[in-house]
């Protein structure tokens, strides 16, 4: 992992996507069709790489455009 990689907490991820609930985030993680990036677990806390989220957003936008 890149030491300069920006990591987001679950709360920051939920805020990024419109203040979704933790339950919504839980569902996204389990929906294989959605392919939401899986978090990295550190001390029982979830963190997402910002670059993974950005790639996922680009892929979702491309799916919608097609």
Protein backbone atom coordinates (compact mmCIF):
# COMPACT_ATOMS: atom_id res chain seq x y z
CA UNK A 1 0.00 0.00 0.00
CA UNK A 2 1.18 3.48 -0.86
CA UNK A 3 2.13 5.33 2.35
CA UNK A 4 0.60 8.51 0.89
CA UNK A 5 -2.74 6.81 0.21
CA UNK A 6 -5.70 8.69 1.65
CA UNK A 7 -7.83 6.47 3.84
CA UNK A 8 -11.45 7.23 4.76
CA UNK A 9 -13.32 6.01 7.82
CA UNK A 10 -16.78 4.46 7.55
CA UNK A 11 -18.30 7.76 8.66
CA UNK A 12 -16.43 9.65 5.94
CA UNK A 13 -17.54 7.10 3.33
CA UNK A 14 -21.17 7.37 4.45
CA UNK A 15 -20.92 11.17 4.23
CA UNK A 16 -19.31 10.97 0.77
CA UNK A 17 -22.36 9.11 -0.52
CA UNK A 18 -25.03 11.41 0.87
CA UNK A 19 -25.06 10.54 4.56
CA UNK A 20 -26.21 6.99 3.95
CA UNK A 21 -26.81 4.84 7.01
CA UNK A 22 -24.35 2.27 8.30
CA UNK A 23 -26.93 -0.37 7.32
CA UNK A 24 -26.89 0.88 3.71
CA UNK A 25 -23.11 0.66 3.68
CA UNK A 26 -23.32 -2.87 5.14
CA UNK A 27 -25.72 -3.86 2.33
CA UNK A 28 -23.50 -2.36 -0.34
CA UNK A 29 -20.57 -4.40 0.93
CA UNK A 30 -22.56 -7.62 0.62
CA UNK A 31 -24.14 -6.93 -2.77
CA UNK A 32 -21.87 -8.68 -5.28
CA UNK A 33 -23.58 -6.97 -8.22
CA UNK A 34 -22.71 -3.55 -6.81
CA UNK A 35 -19.04 -4.50 -6.33
CA UNK A 36 -18.50 -1.83 -3.68
CA UNK A 37 -14.85 -1.72 -2.57
CA UNK A 38 -14.08 -3.77 0.51
CA UNK A 39 -12.54 -1.97 3.46
CA UNK A 40 -9.21 -2.57 5.13
CA UNK A 41 -9.70 -3.54 8.77
CA UNK A 42 -7.30 -1.94 11.24
CA UNK A 43 -7.94 -2.44 14.98
CA UNK A 44 -11.52 -3.54 14.23
CA UNK A 45 -12.20 -0.31 12.33
CA UNK A 46 -13.02 -0.09 8.63
CA UNK A 47 -11.01 2.13 6.29
CA UNK A 48 -11.39 2.57 2.55
CA UNK A 49 -8.72 3.71 0.13
CA UNK A 50 -9.92 6.87 -1.57
CA UNK A 51 -8.45 5.64 -4.86
CA UNK A 52 -10.60 2.45 -4.67
CA UNK A 53 -13.73 4.53 -4.11
CA UNK A 54 -12.86 6.85 -7.00
CA UNK A 55 -12.33 3.88 -9.34
CA UNK A 56 -15.65 2.39 -8.26
CA UNK A 57 -17.42 5.71 -8.93
CA UNK A 58 -15.91 5.87 -12.43
CA UNK A 59 -16.99 2.30 -13.16
CA UNK A 60 -20.55 3.00 -11.94
CA UNK A 61 -20.75 6.12 -14.10
CA UNK A 62 -19.59 4.12 -17.14
CA UNK A 63 -22.24 1.46 -16.46
CA UNK A 64 -24.96 4.10 -16.33
CA UNK A 65 -23.74 5.73 -19.52
CA UNK A 66 -23.79 2.42 -21.42
